[in-house]
């Protein structure tokens, strides 16, 4: 099921959703959060349109916050630590520093990895709560 979760997030991204939207939409698809959270995820795209926090990370943090009332900050930190262990940073600007053109196919392909990594870590943190709906 982990591969299906990851691939769903990447497919959403390939099909035009932003990085943050792709993560949250996948969480909606798998019964983790209410669809209303998806609408809120749009503003977190592209590092909140400023290049700050990676949108895939922001989307995952939104999902974690919606799922875990108790210990949500501890779980959120675990997510960030795991993401940084893989990618060395969680800042969109740093993660994409080698790509001058924001909408280039190369950058988009690079961001597939960020979305996949975020989906993998999120799945590992929430897998016991998944109720697949797709």
N, C-alpha and C. Protein backbone atom coordinates (compact mmCIF):
# COMPACT_ATOMS: atom_id res chain seq x y z
N UNK A 1 0.82 -1.19 0.00
CA UNK A 1 0.00 0.00 0.00
C UNK A 1 0.87 1.27 0.00
N UNK A 2 2.09 1.16 0.57
CA UNK A 2 2.95 2.34 0.61
C UNK A 2 3.27 2.83 -0.80
N UNK A 3 3.57 1.90 -1.70
CA UNK A 3 3.89 2.29 -3.08
C UNK A 3 2.68 2.96 -3.75
N UNK A 4 1.49 2.46 -3.48
CA UNK A 4 0.29 3.06 -4.05
C UNK A 4 0.10 4.49 -3.53
N UNK A 5 0.36 4.71 -2.25
CA UNK A 5 0.26 6.04 -1.65
C UNK A 5 1.27 6.99 -2.30
N UNK A 6 2.51 6.55 -2.41
CA UNK A 6 3.56 7.37 -3.02
C UNK A 6 3.24 7.65 -4.48
N UNK A 7 2.88 6.62 -5.22
CA UNK A 7 2.57 6.80 -6.65
C UNK A 7 1.36 7.69 -6.88
N UNK A 8 0.39 7.62 -5.99
CA UNK A 8 -0.78 8.49 -6.11
C UNK A 8 -0.37 9.95 -5.97
N UNK A 9 0.48 10.24 -4.99
CA UNK A 9 0.95 11.61 -4.79
C UNK A 9 1.72 12.10 -6.02
N UNK A 10 2.61 11.26 -6.54
CA UNK A 10 3.40 11.65 -7.71
C UNK A 10 2.50 11.84 -8.93
N UNK A 11 1.51 10.98 -9.10
CA UNK A 11 0.58 11.13 -10.23
C UNK A 11 -0.22 12.42 -10.12
N UNK A 12 -0.67 12.75 -8.93
CA UNK A 12 -1.38 14.02 -8.76
C UNK A 12 -0.47 15.19 -9.19
N UNK A 13 0.79 15.12 -8.80
CA UNK A 13 1.75 16.17 -9.16
C UNK A 13 1.97 16.20 -10.67
N UNK A 14 2.16 15.05 -11.28
CA UNK A 14 2.35 14.97 -12.73
C UNK A 14 1.14 15.50 -13.49
N UNK A 15 -0.05 15.34 -12.88
CA UNK A 15 -1.28 15.74 -13.55
C UNK A 15 -1.71 17.17 -13.25
N UNK A 16 -0.80 17.96 -12.70
CA UNK A 16 -1.07 19.39 -12.58
C UNK A 16 -1.32 19.94 -11.19
N UNK A 17 -1.45 19.08 -10.20
CA UNK A 17 -1.59 19.62 -8.85
C UNK A 17 -0.22 20.10 -8.37
N UNK A 18 -0.21 21.05 -7.47
CA UNK A 18 1.05 21.53 -6.92
C UNK A 18 1.60 20.49 -5.94
N UNK A 19 2.80 20.75 -5.44
CA UNK A 19 3.42 19.82 -4.49
C UNK A 19 2.58 19.67 -3.22
N UNK A 20 2.16 20.77 -2.63
CA UNK A 20 1.36 20.69 -1.40
C UNK A 20 0.00 20.06 -1.68
N UNK A 21 -0.62 20.44 -2.78
CA UNK A 21 -1.92 19.87 -3.14
C UNK A 21 -1.83 18.36 -3.36
N UNK A 22 -0.75 17.92 -3.98
CA UNK A 22 -0.58 16.49 -4.28
C UNK A 22 -0.53 15.65 -3.02
N UNK A 23 0.16 16.14 -2.02
CA UNK A 23 0.26 15.40 -0.75
C UNK A 23 -1.09 15.39 -0.04
N UNK A 24 -1.72 16.54 0.06
CA UNK A 24 -3.00 16.61 0.77
C UNK A 24 -4.09 15.85 0.02
N UNK A 25 -4.13 15.95 -1.31
CA UNK A 25 -5.13 15.22 -2.10
C UNK A 25 -4.97 13.71 -1.90
N UNK A 26 -3.74 13.26 -1.83
CA UNK A 26 -3.49 11.84 -1.58
C UNK A 26 -4.03 11.44 -0.21
N UNK A 27 -3.79 12.29 0.78
CA UNK A 27 -4.32 12.02 2.13
C UNK A 27 -5.85 11.97 2.11
N UNK A 28 -6.48 12.84 1.32
CA UNK A 28 -7.94 12.81 1.16
C UNK A 28 -8.35 11.49 0.51
N UNK A 29 -7.66 11.13 -0.58
CA UNK A 29 -7.98 9.90 -1.31
C UNK A 29 -7.90 8.65 -0.43
N UNK A 30 -6.98 8.66 0.52
CA UNK A 30 -6.76 7.51 1.38
C UNK A 30 -7.51 7.60 2.71
N UNK A 31 -8.44 8.55 2.79
CA UNK A 31 -9.31 8.64 3.96
C UNK A 31 -8.66 9.18 5.21
N UNK A 32 -7.57 9.91 5.07
CA UNK A 32 -6.87 10.43 6.24
C UNK A 32 -7.43 11.76 6.73
N UNK A 33 -7.85 12.61 5.81
CA UNK A 33 -8.33 13.95 6.18
C UNK A 33 -9.54 14.32 5.33
N UNK A 34 -10.28 15.31 5.79
CA UNK A 34 -11.45 15.81 5.08
C UNK A 34 -10.99 16.60 3.85
N UNK A 35 -11.80 16.56 2.80
CA UNK A 35 -11.44 17.23 1.55
C UNK A 35 -11.30 18.74 1.70
N UNK A 36 -11.87 19.33 2.72
CA UNK A 36 -11.74 20.77 2.92
C UNK A 36 -10.28 21.18 3.11
N UNK A 37 -9.47 20.28 3.65
CA UNK A 37 -8.06 20.58 3.83
C UNK A 37 -7.36 20.76 2.49
N UNK A 38 -7.85 20.07 1.46
CA UNK A 38 -7.26 20.20 0.12
C UNK A 38 -7.31 21.64 -0.38
N UNK A 39 -8.44 22.28 -0.21
CA UNK A 39 -8.57 23.67 -0.66
C UNK A 39 -7.56 24.58 0.02
N UNK A 40 -7.31 24.33 1.29
CA UNK A 40 -6.36 25.14 2.05
C UNK A 40 -4.92 24.90 1.61
N UNK A 41 -4.64 23.75 1.03
CA UNK A 41 -3.26 23.39 0.68
C UNK A 41 -2.69 24.20 -0.48
N UNK A 42 -3.53 24.79 -1.29
CA UNK A 42 -3.07 25.52 -2.47
C UNK A 42 -2.08 26.63 -2.12
N UNK A 43 -2.31 27.34 -1.05
CA UNK A 43 -1.46 28.49 -0.71
C UNK A 43 -0.06 28.08 -0.26
N UNK A 44 0.17 26.79 -0.04
CA UNK A 44 1.48 26.33 0.40
C UNK A 44 2.36 25.88 -0.77
N UNK A 45 1.89 26.03 -1.98
CA UNK A 45 2.64 25.64 -3.17
C UNK A 45 3.85 26.54 -3.39
N UNK A 46 4.90 25.94 -3.95
CA UNK A 46 6.09 26.72 -4.30
C UNK A 46 6.70 27.43 -3.12
N UNK A 47 6.75 26.75 -1.99
CA UNK A 47 7.30 27.39 -0.80
C UNK A 47 6.48 28.58 -0.38
N UNK A 48 5.15 28.42 -0.42
CA UNK A 48 4.21 29.49 -0.08
C UNK A 48 4.41 30.69 -1.00
N UNK A 49 4.74 30.38 -2.25
CA UNK A 49 5.00 31.38 -3.30
C UNK A 49 6.18 32.29 -2.95
N UNK A 50 7.00 31.85 -2.00
CA UNK A 50 8.16 32.66 -1.62
C UNK A 50 9.45 31.86 -1.65
N UNK A 51 9.35 30.57 -1.87
CA UNK A 51 10.54 29.74 -1.90
C UNK A 51 10.95 29.24 -0.54
N UNK A 52 10.13 29.47 0.47
CA UNK A 52 10.49 29.01 1.82
C UNK A 52 10.23 27.52 1.96
N UNK A 53 9.44 27.11 2.89
CA UNK A 53 9.21 25.70 3.17
C UNK A 53 8.68 24.97 1.92
N UNK A 54 9.30 23.85 1.59
CA UNK A 54 8.86 23.01 0.46
C UNK A 54 7.37 22.72 0.60
N UNK A 55 6.62 22.90 -0.47
CA UNK A 55 5.18 22.68 -0.44
C UNK A 55 4.80 21.25 -0.09
N UNK A 56 5.59 20.27 -0.54
CA UNK A 56 5.29 18.88 -0.20
C UNK A 56 5.42 18.67 1.31
N UNK A 57 6.41 19.31 1.91
CA UNK A 57 6.59 19.24 3.36
C UNK A 57 5.43 19.94 4.05
N UNK A 58 5.06 21.10 3.57
CA UNK A 58 3.95 21.85 4.17
C UNK A 58 2.65 21.04 4.09
N UNK A 59 2.40 20.41 2.95
CA UNK A 59 1.20 19.59 2.81
C UNK A 59 1.19 18.44 3.80
N UNK A 60 2.32 17.78 3.94
CA UNK A 60 2.41 16.66 4.90
C UNK A 60 2.20 17.16 6.33
N UNK A 61 2.74 18.32 6.64
CA UNK A 61 2.57 18.86 7.99
C UNK A 61 1.10 19.20 8.25
N UNK A 62 0.40 19.69 7.23
CA UNK A 62 -1.03 19.97 7.37
C UNK A 62 -1.79 18.68 7.70
N UNK A 63 -1.46 17.62 6.99
CA UNK A 63 -2.11 16.34 7.21
C UNK A 63 -1.82 15.83 8.62
N UNK A 64 -0.58 15.89 9.03
CA UNK A 64 -0.21 15.44 10.37
C UNK A 64 -0.95 16.23 11.44
N UNK A 65 -1.02 17.54 11.26
CA UNK A 65 -1.73 18.39 12.22
C UNK A 65 -3.21 18.07 12.29
N UNK A 66 -3.80 17.71 11.16
CA UNK A 66 -5.22 17.37 11.13
C UNK A 66 -5.50 16.00 11.76
N UNK A 67 -4.54 15.10 11.67
CA UNK A 67 -4.74 13.74 12.17
C UNK A 67 -4.43 13.61 13.66
N UNK A 68 -3.32 14.20 14.06
CA UNK A 68 -2.84 13.99 15.43
C UNK A 68 -3.10 15.21 16.30
N UNK A 69 -4.03 15.05 17.22
CA UNK A 69 -4.32 16.14 18.15
C UNK A 69 -3.26 16.17 19.25
N UNK A 70 -2.95 15.00 19.75
CA UNK A 70 -1.95 14.87 20.81
C UNK A 70 -0.60 14.54 20.16
N UNK A 71 0.44 15.16 20.63
CA UNK A 71 1.80 14.91 20.15
C UNK A 71 2.01 15.31 18.68
N UNK A 72 1.17 16.18 18.15
CA UNK A 72 1.32 16.56 16.74
C UNK A 72 2.67 17.23 16.46
N UNK A 73 3.15 18.02 17.38
CA UNK A 73 4.44 18.69 17.16
C UNK A 73 5.59 17.69 17.16
N UNK A 74 5.51 16.69 17.98
CA UNK A 74 6.54 15.64 18.02
C UNK A 74 6.56 14.88 16.70
N UNK A 75 5.39 14.53 16.21
CA UNK A 75 5.27 13.81 14.94
C UNK A 75 5.71 14.70 13.78
N UNK A 76 5.34 15.97 13.83
CA UNK A 76 5.75 16.91 12.78
C UNK A 76 7.27 17.05 12.74
N UNK A 77 7.90 17.09 13.90
CA UNK A 77 9.37 17.17 13.95
C UNK A 77 9.99 15.90 13.38
N UNK A 78 9.41 14.77 13.70
CA UNK A 78 9.92 13.50 13.16
C UNK A 78 9.86 13.53 11.63
N UNK A 79 8.75 14.05 11.09
CA UNK A 79 8.64 14.16 9.63
C UNK A 79 9.77 15.03 9.07
N UNK A 80 9.95 16.22 9.63
CA UNK A 80 10.99 17.15 9.15
C UNK A 80 12.36 16.52 9.25
N UNK A 81 12.66 15.90 10.38
CA UNK A 81 13.97 15.26 10.55
C UNK A 81 14.21 14.19 9.49
N UNK A 82 13.20 13.37 9.22
CA UNK A 82 13.33 12.33 8.20
C UNK A 82 13.51 12.93 6.80
N UNK A 83 12.74 13.97 6.50
CA UNK A 83 12.84 14.62 5.19
C UNK A 83 14.23 15.23 5.00
N UNK A 84 14.72 15.90 6.04
CA UNK A 84 16.05 16.52 5.96
C UNK A 84 17.16 15.47 5.89
N UNK A 85 16.95 14.34 6.51
CA UNK A 85 17.94 13.26 6.43
C UNK A 85 18.11 12.80 4.98
N UNK A 86 17.02 12.76 4.25
CA UNK A 86 17.06 12.33 2.85
C UNK A 86 17.53 13.46 1.93
N UNK A 87 17.03 14.67 2.14
CA UNK A 87 17.23 15.77 1.18
C UNK A 87 18.12 16.90 1.68
N UNK A 88 18.57 16.83 2.91
CA UNK A 88 19.49 17.82 3.52
C UNK A 88 18.85 19.17 3.80
N UNK A 89 17.62 19.39 3.39
CA UNK A 89 16.93 20.67 3.61
C UNK A 89 15.44 20.46 3.45
N UNK A 90 14.65 21.43 3.94
CA UNK A 90 13.20 21.42 3.74
C UNK A 90 12.75 22.72 3.09
N UNK A 91 13.68 23.55 2.70
CA UNK A 91 13.40 24.85 2.08
C UNK A 91 13.34 24.68 0.56
N UNK A 92 12.25 25.09 -0.04
CA UNK A 92 12.06 24.98 -1.48
C UNK A 92 13.22 25.63 -2.25
N UNK A 93 13.60 26.80 -1.83
CA UNK A 93 14.66 27.54 -2.51
C UNK A 93 15.97 26.76 -2.52
N UNK A 94 16.29 26.12 -1.41
CA UNK A 94 17.52 25.33 -1.32
C UNK A 94 17.39 24.03 -2.12
N UNK A 95 16.25 23.38 -2.01
CA UNK A 95 16.02 22.11 -2.70
C UNK A 95 16.06 22.28 -4.22
N UNK A 96 15.70 23.46 -4.70
CA UNK A 96 15.63 23.69 -6.16
C UNK A 96 16.66 24.71 -6.65
N UNK A 97 17.71 24.92 -5.89
CA UNK A 97 18.71 25.95 -6.23
C UNK A 97 19.38 25.72 -7.58
N UNK A 98 19.43 24.52 -8.05
CA UNK A 98 20.09 24.22 -9.32
C UNK A 98 19.20 24.45 -10.55
N UNK A 99 17.99 24.93 -10.33
CA UNK A 99 17.03 25.12 -11.42
C UNK A 99 16.62 26.58 -11.49
N UNK A 100 17.10 27.28 -12.50
CA UNK A 100 16.80 28.71 -12.63
C UNK A 100 15.35 28.98 -12.99
N UNK A 101 14.80 28.19 -13.86
CA UNK A 101 13.43 28.39 -14.34
C UNK A 101 12.44 27.62 -13.47
N UNK A 102 11.54 28.35 -12.81
CA UNK A 102 10.58 27.73 -11.89
C UNK A 102 9.74 26.65 -12.55
N UNK A 103 9.29 26.89 -13.77
CA UNK A 103 8.37 25.95 -14.44
C UNK A 103 9.08 25.03 -15.43
N UNK A 104 10.38 24.89 -15.31
CA UNK A 104 11.11 24.03 -16.26
C UNK A 104 10.76 22.56 -16.03
N UNK A 105 10.81 21.78 -17.11
CA UNK A 105 10.54 20.34 -16.96
C UNK A 105 11.55 19.66 -16.03
N UNK A 106 12.78 20.14 -16.02
CA UNK A 106 13.81 19.57 -15.17
C UNK A 106 13.50 19.79 -13.69
N UNK A 107 13.04 21.00 -13.38
CA UNK A 107 12.69 21.31 -11.99
C UNK A 107 11.47 20.48 -11.57
N UNK A 108 10.51 20.39 -12.45
CA UNK A 108 9.30 19.61 -12.16
C UNK A 108 9.67 18.15 -11.88
N UNK A 109 10.57 17.61 -12.69
CA UNK A 109 11.01 16.23 -12.48
C UNK A 109 11.73 16.09 -11.14
N UNK A 110 12.55 17.07 -10.81
CA UNK A 110 13.24 17.08 -9.53
C UNK A 110 12.22 17.10 -8.38
N UNK A 111 11.18 17.87 -8.53
CA UNK A 111 10.15 17.99 -7.49
C UNK A 111 9.32 16.71 -7.35
N UNK A 112 9.27 15.87 -8.38
CA UNK A 112 8.62 14.57 -8.25
C UNK A 112 9.26 13.81 -7.10
N UNK A 113 10.58 13.90 -6.98
CA UNK A 113 11.29 13.22 -5.91
C UNK A 113 10.88 13.79 -4.54
N UNK A 114 10.76 15.10 -4.44
CA UNK A 114 10.37 15.71 -3.16
C UNK A 114 8.96 15.25 -2.76
N UNK A 115 8.06 15.23 -3.72
CA UNK A 115 6.69 14.77 -3.47
C UNK A 115 6.71 13.30 -3.05
N UNK A 116 7.48 12.49 -3.77
CA UNK A 116 7.59 11.07 -3.43
C UNK A 116 8.18 10.85 -2.04
N UNK A 117 9.23 11.59 -1.73
CA UNK A 117 9.86 11.47 -0.40
C UNK A 117 8.88 11.88 0.70
N UNK A 118 8.18 12.98 0.49
CA UNK A 118 7.21 13.46 1.49
C UNK A 118 6.08 12.44 1.67
N UNK A 119 5.61 11.88 0.57
CA UNK A 119 4.54 10.88 0.63
C UNK A 119 5.01 9.63 1.38
N UNK A 120 6.22 9.20 1.12
CA UNK A 120 6.77 8.01 1.77
C UNK A 120 6.86 8.21 3.29
N UNK A 121 7.42 9.32 3.69
CA UNK A 121 7.57 9.60 5.12
C UNK A 121 6.19 9.74 5.78
N UNK A 122 5.29 10.47 5.12
CA UNK A 122 3.95 10.64 5.66
C UNK A 122 3.26 9.29 5.82
N UNK A 123 3.34 8.46 4.81
CA UNK A 123 2.73 7.13 4.89
C UNK A 123 3.26 6.37 6.09
N UNK A 124 4.57 6.38 6.27
CA UNK A 124 5.17 5.64 7.38
C UNK A 124 4.70 6.15 8.74
N UNK A 125 4.38 7.43 8.82
CA UNK A 125 3.92 8.00 10.09
C UNK A 125 2.42 7.79 10.35
N UNK A 126 1.65 7.56 9.28
CA UNK A 126 0.19 7.49 9.45
C UNK A 126 -0.43 6.19 8.95
N UNK A 127 0.35 5.23 8.56
CA UNK A 127 -0.19 4.05 7.88
C UNK A 127 -1.30 3.34 8.66
N UNK A 128 -1.26 3.37 9.97
CA UNK A 128 -2.30 2.68 10.74
C UNK A 128 -3.64 3.41 10.67
N UNK A 129 -3.65 4.64 10.15
CA UNK A 129 -4.89 5.42 10.09
C UNK A 129 -5.51 5.44 8.68
N UNK A 130 -4.87 4.81 7.71
CA UNK A 130 -5.35 4.87 6.33
C UNK A 130 -6.60 4.01 6.15
N UNK A 131 -7.61 4.62 5.50
CA UNK A 131 -8.84 3.94 5.12
C UNK A 131 -9.04 4.24 3.65
N UNK A 132 -8.45 3.45 2.80
CA UNK A 132 -8.40 3.75 1.37
C UNK A 132 -9.82 3.93 0.79
N UNK A 133 -9.98 5.00 0.02
CA UNK A 133 -11.27 5.31 -0.59
C UNK A 133 -11.21 5.31 -2.11
N UNK A 134 -10.02 5.16 -2.68
CA UNK A 134 -9.92 5.22 -4.14
C UNK A 134 -9.88 3.84 -4.74
